[in-house]
Each structure stands twice: as C-alpha cells, then as structure tokens.
Amino acid sequence: MLKTDNTIRFLKFIVLSNVGLVIFKVFGGILSKSTALIADGSDSLLNVLSSIITYKYYRKARYPPDRDHPYGHLRYEAYASFLIIVLMVITFSFIAFSALSKLSRVIEGVSVIGIIFAAVSFILNIVYSNVLKKLSKESQLLMTEARHISVDVLESSVVLIGVSLGALVSGIFDIMATIAVVGIVVYYIVKTLRELKESITDVSPPTDVLRTIERTIASTEGVIGYHSLRARQYFGKVFADVHVVVRRDISVDKAHDIATRIEEKLNDLFGDMLDIVIHIEPEGDEHHHY
C-alpha cells in the first residue's frame, strides 16, 4: 500500500489530468458533433470537482482527534462522498435532458474524428483507474473516487462504441451511448448511497474482531469478567468500549495496570485499527461474564 503522502500527490495529479481531459473531450465532442463525447467530457469536469473534494477531505479526515472531534475526523470522508454524489446528480440530469432534447430533432451524424478522441479518452481512463484502485483500500473516500473512475472506464468504452457507430452508421447510436452513460451513473449513485448508509450508521465490526477482543480481555491476568462490550466500525477503524471487572480489594494502581495490559495486548493484535476505552469496575457491582 502506498503511503499517504504518495496518495495526496496522486490526487493532485488526478485533478490536473482531469482538467486536461475536460478540454480534450469537450473539444472533441464539439468538433465531431458527438453528444456522447460531450457527456463524457462533462463527467471529466465532474471528476475535476470530485477530485478537489477528495483531496481536501482525504487530508482533513486524517487529522488527529481534537477537542471538537474526540473520535477523529474520518466521517468527513462520508460527507465528501455525499457531495460528489450531489454533483453527479446535477451534472447528469443536465446531460440526460440534453440527450432527450436532441432526440426530438433530426439526428445528425458524428464526424469520424470523434473516434480518435473517444479512443484516447478510453485509454487514459484505464490508466487512472488502475493506479487509484491500488490506493483505495485505505479509505472510503478513495474507494468512492476509484469506483467513480472505474465507472469512467465503462463509460468511455460505451462512448467509444457509440461514437464509432454514430460516425460509421447513424447518429442515433451516439444518442444511445449518451443515455447509456447516464444509466451507468445512476447505478453508481445508488450503489454508493447504499455504502454510505453503512458509513454513517454505527455498524458492528466483524464477529471475529469482537471474539478476539473478548478472548484477549478474558485471558488477561487479574480480570474476573467483563460486560457491556460495544463496538462500531468505520471503514477499517474500530471504536469500542467495555466494562472490565476486577477484584474489589486491589488498589487503583493495580486496576490501572490490568487495563494497560489489555490495551497493550490489543494494540499488538490490531495496531491503529482499534481504539478502545476500558472501564474498570470492582467485583460485585455488576453482573459479568466471559
């Protein structure tokens, strides 16, 4: 996995590259009279905006916890993903309207030069998609952006076919490709919204993670029992709290040492993935279990 600094540098590169793609695709669409290429160019314009949002909130989500955000800033990723979806809805509502408007007129053919623009766009999107996929495992936001660019690859292939048939057969294929691009984006929006629901609600981590936490607590010397283990997960980061029961007659220092040993053992197992708060209770105050 690439380091965060490399990820940020790549996000800057994506922003600049997409600016070039916007100009390239829209110019090609105007020159060849291809609605599908203009739609693809509009999506690249959207990529510019979404890449800027991704860059800004990817960095902000990695700020350390502070007084106003004691659990960190990771949920900024969900917020940014939602902003990207809003931009997509606005952009492709306009594209869909334009395509339907053109259907009501005489369908013009597409210039053969549009095939060249569509082919180059397809190749560039494949390159961007493959690189960003390698980075996306560490971030919900990067995953959203990686899927967005993966969708661009599919869109570009549809546009390439539509523009080619529009130039060689009939302009109706160009319009059909435009409508197909809009349909692909709608599917992407629905899929991402479902994932965001998991990100903004407190979903429990996998069962094996909870079982490992429980076994670690129960096996720590000095622990009599535990209860009220709660955990929630946000894209690979687990936040948990638990009540650990110890003998009533031990000192505060010894009780603190028990909690510290639990934290150290869990840190060895999970590293930064787990953030756990341990409440120490004397035996007899609460029902407990292993």
Protein backbone atom coordinates (compact mmCIF):
# COMPACT_ATOMS: atom_id res chain seq x y z
CA MET A 1 0.00 0.00 0.00
CA LEU A 2 1.28 3.42 -0.90
CA LYS A 3 1.93 5.99 1.79
CA THR A 4 -0.44 8.86 2.48
CA ASP A 5 1.98 11.44 1.01
CA ASN A 6 2.09 9.50 -2.25
CA THR A 7 -1.70 9.27 -2.22
CA ILE A 8 -2.05 13.03 -1.84
CA ARG A 9 0.44 13.65 -4.65
CA PHE A 10 -1.51 11.32 -6.89
CA LEU A 11 -4.78 13.08 -6.06
CA LYS A 12 -3.18 16.37 -7.15
CA PHE A 13 -2.12 14.67 -10.38
CA ILE A 14 -5.69 13.40 -10.93
CA VAL A 15 -7.07 16.93 -10.58
CA LEU A 16 -4.66 18.36 -13.16
CA SER A 17 -5.12 15.42 -15.51
CA ASN A 18 -8.90 15.70 -15.43
CA VAL A 19 -8.68 19.38 -16.36
CA GLY A 20 -6.85 18.28 -19.50
CA LEU A 21 -9.41 15.55 -20.15
CA VAL A 22 -12.30 18.02 -19.88
CA ILE A 23 -10.79 20.24 -22.55
CA PHE A 24 -9.85 17.25 -24.74
CA LYS A 25 -13.26 15.51 -24.61
CA VAL A 26 -15.46 18.59 -24.89
CA PHE A 27 -13.38 19.92 -27.78
CA GLY A 28 -13.61 16.52 -29.47
CA GLY A 29 -17.36 16.41 -28.87
CA ILE A 30 -17.93 19.85 -30.35
CA LEU A 31 -15.62 19.14 -33.30
CA SER A 32 -17.26 15.79 -34.11
CA LYS A 33 -20.81 16.82 -33.08
CA SER A 34 -20.93 13.92 -30.58
CA THR A 35 -23.31 14.25 -27.64
CA ALA A 36 -21.73 11.16 -26.06
CA LEU A 37 -18.25 12.72 -26.07
CA ILE A 38 -19.62 15.93 -24.58
CA ALA A 39 -21.31 13.82 -21.88
CA ASP A 40 -18.00 12.08 -21.24
CA GLY A 41 -16.31 15.49 -21.06
CA SER A 42 -18.91 16.69 -18.60
CA ASP A 43 -18.13 13.68 -16.45
CA SER A 44 -14.44 14.63 -16.56
CA LEU A 45 -15.42 18.12 -15.41
CA LEU A 46 -17.25 16.42 -12.59
CA ASN A 47 -14.07 14.44 -11.91
CA VAL A 48 -12.15 17.69 -11.51
CA LEU A 49 -14.59 18.88 -8.86
CA SER A 50 -14.80 15.49 -7.15
CA SER A 51 -11.00 15.13 -7.13
CA ILE A 52 -10.67 18.53 -5.45
CA ILE A 53 -13.25 17.45 -2.87
CA THR A 54 -11.46 14.11 -2.43
CA TYR A 55 -8.09 15.80 -1.97
CA LYS A 56 -9.44 18.27 0.57
CA TYR A 57 -11.40 15.85 2.72
CA TYR A 58 -8.96 12.93 2.44
CA ARG A 59 -6.41 15.15 4.21
CA LYS A 60 -8.95 16.54 6.67
CA ALA A 61 -10.22 13.05 7.58
CA ARG A 62 -6.70 12.15 8.70
CA TYR A 63 -6.30 14.99 11.19
CA PRO A 64 -5.70 13.64 14.70
CA PRO A 65 -8.53 13.78 17.28
CA ASP A 66 -9.10 17.17 18.91
CA ARG A 67 -11.46 18.72 21.43
CA ASP A 68 -14.33 19.07 18.95
CA HIS A 69 -13.67 15.72 17.27
CA PRO A 70 -12.51 13.30 20.00
CA TYR A 71 -13.04 10.27 17.73
CA GLY A 72 -11.07 11.79 14.87
CA HIS A 73 -12.28 13.20 11.55
CA LEU A 74 -12.95 10.06 9.48
CA ARG A 75 -16.61 10.87 8.89
CA TYR A 76 -15.52 13.78 6.69
CA GLU A 77 -15.00 11.05 4.08
CA ALA A 78 -18.70 10.15 4.12
CA TYR A 79 -19.58 13.84 3.85
CA ALA A 80 -17.27 14.29 0.86
CA SER A 81 -18.65 11.16 -0.83
CA PHE A 82 -22.14 12.60 -0.45
CA LEU A 83 -21.03 15.90 -2.02
CA ILE A 84 -19.63 14.00 -5.00
CA ILE A 85 -22.94 12.21 -5.48
CA VAL A 86 -24.85 15.51 -5.39
CA LEU A 87 -22.55 16.87 -8.11
CA MET A 88 -23.15 13.76 -10.20
CA VAL A 89 -26.92 14.08 -9.92
CA ILE A 90 -26.82 17.72 -11.03
CA THR A 91 -24.40 17.13 -13.91
CA PHE A 92 -26.09 14.09 -15.38
CA SER A 93 -29.58 15.50 -15.02
CA PHE A 94 -28.41 18.18 -17.44
CA ILE A 95 -26.79 15.59 -19.75
CA ALA A 96 -29.95 13.45 -19.80
CA PHE A 97 -32.06 16.50 -20.64
CA SER A 98 -29.70 17.44 -23.49
CA ALA A 99 -29.78 13.92 -24.94
CA LEU A 100 -33.57 13.73 -24.85
CA SER A 101 -33.77 17.19 -26.41
CA LYS A 102 -31.56 16.09 -29.30
CA LEU A 103 -33.74 13.02 -29.86
CA SER A 104 -36.62 15.34 -30.69
CA ARG A 105 -34.61 16.80 -33.58
CA VAL A 106 -33.17 15.27 -36.71
CA ILE A 107 -30.27 13.01 -35.66
CA GLU A 108 -27.01 14.32 -37.09
CA GLY A 109 -24.15 12.00 -37.91
CA VAL A 110 -20.91 12.10 -35.96
CA SER A 111 -17.59 13.01 -37.54
CA VAL A 112 -15.05 10.17 -37.83
CA ILE A 113 -12.52 12.26 -35.90
CA GLY A 114 -14.65 11.68 -32.81
CA ILE A 115 -13.49 8.05 -32.79
CA ILE A 116 -9.91 9.20 -32.13
CA PHE A 117 -10.96 11.38 -29.21
CA ALA A 118 -13.10 8.58 -27.76
CA ALA A 119 -10.29 6.01 -28.07
CA VAL A 120 -7.69 8.22 -26.34
CA SER A 121 -10.13 9.02 -23.53
CA PHE A 122 -10.77 5.31 -23.02
CA ILE A 123 -7.05 4.54 -22.68
CA LEU A 124 -6.39 7.40 -20.24
CA ASN A 125 -9.29 6.37 -18.01
CA ILE A 126 -7.94 2.81 -17.79
CA VAL A 127 -4.57 4.15 -16.61
CA TYR A 128 -6.13 6.37 -13.91
CA SER A 129 -8.44 3.61 -12.72
CA ASN A 130 -5.69 1.03 -12.24
CA VAL A 131 -3.50 3.39 -10.22
CA LEU A 132 -6.24 4.69 -7.95
CA LYS A 133 -7.52 1.18 -7.21
CA LYS A 134 -4.17 0.43 -5.55
CA LEU A 135 -4.72 3.34 -3.17
CA SER A 136 -8.41 2.88 -2.40
CA LYS A 137 -8.11 0.10 0.21
CA GLU A 138 -7.23 2.56 2.95
CA SER A 139 -10.09 4.99 2.56
CA GLN A 140 -13.86 5.12 2.00
CA LEU A 141 -13.40 8.36 0.11
CA LEU A 142 -10.67 6.96 -2.14
CA MET A 143 -12.85 3.93 -2.78
CA THR A 144 -15.66 6.23 -3.90
CA GLU A 145 -13.27 8.08 -6.21
CA ALA A 146 -11.74 4.83 -7.51
CA ARG A 147 -15.17 3.45 -8.34
CA HIS A 148 -16.05 6.73 -10.00
CA ILE A 149 -13.04 6.42 -12.29
CA SER A 150 -13.80 2.72 -12.85
CA VAL A 151 -17.24 3.82 -13.98
CA ASP A 152 -15.45 6.25 -16.31
CA VAL A 153 -13.69 3.29 -17.97
CA LEU A 154 -17.05 1.64 -18.61
CA GLU A 155 -18.50 4.94 -19.78
CA SER A 156 -15.56 5.52 -22.12
CA SER A 157 -15.98 2.09 -23.68
CA VAL A 158 -19.68 2.79 -24.26
CA VAL A 159 -18.82 6.20 -25.69
CA LEU A 160 -16.17 4.69 -27.99
CA ILE A 161 -18.68 2.20 -29.37
CA GLY A 162 -21.43 4.81 -29.65
CA VAL A 163 -19.23 7.40 -31.35
CA SER A 164 -17.81 4.79 -33.77
CA LEU A 165 -21.27 3.58 -34.77
CA GLY A 166 -22.52 7.16 -34.80
CA ALA A 167 -19.81 8.10 -37.28
CA LEU A 168 -20.00 4.97 -39.44
CA VAL A 169 -23.69 4.02 -39.26
CA SER A 170 -26.13 6.54 -37.72
CA GLY A 171 -26.15 9.41 -35.25
CA ILE A 172 -28.79 7.57 -33.20
CA PHE A 173 -26.04 5.37 -31.75
CA ASP A 174 -24.32 8.44 -30.32
CA ILE A 175 -27.50 9.41 -28.50
CA MET A 176 -27.99 5.83 -27.30
CA ALA A 177 -24.46 5.88 -25.88
CA THR A 178 -25.24 9.13 -24.06
CA ILE A 179 -28.34 7.65 -22.47
CA ALA A 180 -26.35 4.52 -21.52
CA VAL A 181 -23.73 6.69 -19.78
CA VAL A 182 -26.48 8.36 -17.75
CA GLY A 183 -27.85 4.93 -16.80
CA ILE A 184 -24.42 3.75 -15.64
CA VAL A 185 -24.02 6.81 -13.45
CA VAL A 186 -27.46 6.31 -11.90
CA TYR A 187 -26.49 2.75 -10.97
CA TYR A 188 -23.23 4.03 -9.45
CA ILE A 189 -25.07 6.66 -7.41
CA VAL A 190 -27.49 4.10 -5.95
CA LYS A 191 -24.66 1.67 -5.10
CA THR A 192 -22.57 4.36 -3.39
CA LEU A 193 -25.53 5.65 -1.38
CA ARG A 194 -26.06 2.14 -0.01
CA GLU A 195 -22.44 2.00 1.10
CA LEU A 196 -22.66 5.45 2.66
CA LYS A 197 -25.53 4.22 4.79
CA GLU A 198 -23.11 1.74 6.36
CA SER A 199 -20.56 4.53 6.89
CA ILE A 200 -22.85 6.98 8.67
CA THR A 201 -24.57 4.43 10.90
CA ASP A 202 -22.86 2.62 13.77
CA VAL A 203 -22.34 -0.81 12.23
CA SER A 204 -20.75 -3.54 14.33
CA PRO A 205 -17.35 -4.87 13.22
CA PRO A 206 -16.97 -8.49 12.02
CA THR A 207 -17.68 -11.21 14.60
CA ASP A 208 -14.07 -12.44 14.60
CA VAL A 209 -12.87 -8.98 15.67
CA LEU A 210 -15.28 -8.96 18.64
CA ARG A 211 -14.33 -12.51 19.58
CA THR A 212 -10.63 -11.61 19.55
CA ILE A 213 -11.26 -8.63 21.82
CA GLU A 214 -13.26 -10.81 24.20
CA ARG A 215 -10.61 -13.54 24.34
CA THR A 216 -7.88 -11.01 24.96
CA ILE A 217 -9.76 -9.42 27.85
CA ALA A 218 -10.72 -12.74 29.42
CA SER A 219 -7.16 -14.11 29.22
CA THR A 220 -5.55 -11.11 30.92
CA GLU A 221 -4.33 -11.82 34.44
CA GLY A 222 -6.39 -10.07 37.11
CA VAL A 223 -9.60 -9.92 35.05
CA ILE A 224 -12.59 -11.58 36.73
CA GLY A 225 -15.04 -10.79 33.97
CA TYR A 226 -16.35 -8.16 31.59
CA HIS A 227 -19.67 -6.86 30.25
CA SER A 228 -21.22 -4.22 28.01
CA LEU A 229 -18.72 -4.64 25.19
CA ARG A 230 -19.79 -2.31 22.40
CA ALA A 231 -18.00 -1.65 19.13
CA ARG A 232 -18.66 0.23 15.92
CA GLN A 233 -16.70 0.24 12.72
CA TYR A 234 -15.99 2.94 10.21
CA PHE A 235 -14.13 1.64 7.15
CA GLY A 236 -11.45 -0.38 8.90
CA LYS A 237 -11.32 1.70 12.10
CA VAL A 238 -13.00 0.12 15.14
CA PHE A 239 -14.11 2.14 18.17
CA ALA A 240 -15.02 0.07 21.24
CA ASP A 241 -15.69 0.35 24.94
CA VAL A 242 -16.05 -2.33 27.59
CA HIS A 243 -16.52 -2.70 31.35
CA VAL A 244 -13.83 -4.93 32.91
CA VAL A 245 -14.45 -6.43 36.36
CA VAL A 246 -11.55 -6.84 38.84
CA ARG A 247 -11.26 -7.86 42.49
CA ARG A 248 -12.68 -5.32 44.89
CA ASP A 249 -9.67 -5.39 47.22
CA ILE A 250 -6.96 -4.43 44.71
CA SER A 251 -5.51 -0.93 44.54
CA VAL A 252 -6.31 1.63 41.90
CA ASP A 253 -2.75 1.29 40.57
CA LYS A 254 -3.14 -2.45 40.06
CA ALA A 255 -6.53 -2.00 38.39
CA HIS A 256 -4.95 0.56 36.08
CA ASP A 257 -2.13 -1.87 35.28
CA ILE A 258 -4.69 -4.51 34.26
CA ALA A 259 -6.38 -2.07 31.88
CA THR A 260 -2.99 -1.07 30.46
CA ARG A 261 -2.04 -4.72 29.82
CA ILE A 262 -5.31 -5.29 27.96
CA GLU A 263 -4.71 -2.21 25.81
CA GLU A 264 -1.13 -3.28 25.04
CA LYS A 265 -2.21 -6.79 24.02
CA LEU A 266 -4.96 -5.42 21.80
CA ASN A 267 -2.57 -2.90 20.28
CA ASP A 268 -0.21 -5.75 19.38
CA LEU A 269 -3.09 -7.54 17.65
CA PHE A 270 -4.85 -4.64 15.92
CA GLY A 271 -2.48 -1.67 15.91
CA ASP A 272 -4.14 1.63 15.00
CA MET A 273 -7.21 -0.21 13.72
CA LEU A 274 -8.69 -0.39 17.25
CA ASP A 275 -9.50 2.47 19.61
CA ILE A 276 -10.87 1.01 22.86
CA VAL A 277 -11.95 2.59 26.17
CA ILE A 278 -11.82 0.31 29.20
CA HIS A 279 -13.97 0.99 32.28
CA ILE A 280 -12.74 -0.75 35.43
CA GLU A 281 -15.38 -1.97 37.93
CA PRO A 282 -14.99 -3.74 41.30
CA GLU A 283 -16.38 -7.25 41.62
CA GLY A 284 -19.97 -7.37 42.83
CA ASP A 285 -21.13 -4.05 41.36
CA GLU A 286 -22.36 -5.52 38.06
CA HIS A 287 -23.16 -8.90 36.57
CA HIS A 288 -20.30 -10.04 34.41
CA HIS A 289 -19.37 -12.87 32.06
CA TYR A 290 -16.56 -14.21 29.96
